[in-house]
Amino acid sequence: MFFEAHSTTSYISLGSNLGDRAGNLLLAIRGLMEASFEIVKLSAIYETEPVEIEEAENFLNMIVETRSEGITASQMMARMLRIEYLLGRKDKSLKRPRTIDLDLIFFGQNIIDTPFLTVPHPRLHLRNFVLFPMVEVAPKYFHPKLRKTMVNLLDDCPDRSLVTRWHPNGSPELQAMQTG
């Protein structure tokens, strides 16, 4: 008997505000690939103001669209926690600077609420640093609980923190001044 493999599309938010922020994001993407997640799409990298974290450097944030087969959301989250640990994140408490933060934003259209994992991420609709890159990667993706697209969620988002597209050599204006 032939069984068709079930593939799940997931969205993971990556963030870093300690050390080599861009390098940390790159190492996390490599870790996701090594953990058997197929990388489908990457958003641009965005520099964002810290939200609910005082006296912290700006974050670099992005969204990764992945596809995986034969693993549960809990198994995916366990692999993500291992990547965080391997990249130097020992403290998973909220409101602290971090070398890397990996959050499972969506796992297909599944709604999961366990002591270990809540999906969709319960605060994604309140955070520009998640919504800006989500709109870039999947603007029409439909939130299964809130019943809105990513574009609609961004339009309704109360977060007013600054989110700008990150350029490795500074802002586009600065790059023009350096080359001109």
Foldseek 3Di string as FASTA:
>chain_A
DDDDWDKKKWKKKKKAFDDPQVVLVVLLVVLCVVVVWAFDDKFFWKWWDDDLAPPTGTMIMIMTITMHTDDDPLVSVVSSVVSQVVQPAPDPDPRDHGGMDMDTQATHQDADDDPRDGPNPPCLLQDPRNLVNCCVVFQQDANNPVRGGSVVSVVVHPDPIDMGRDDPVDDPVVVVVVVD
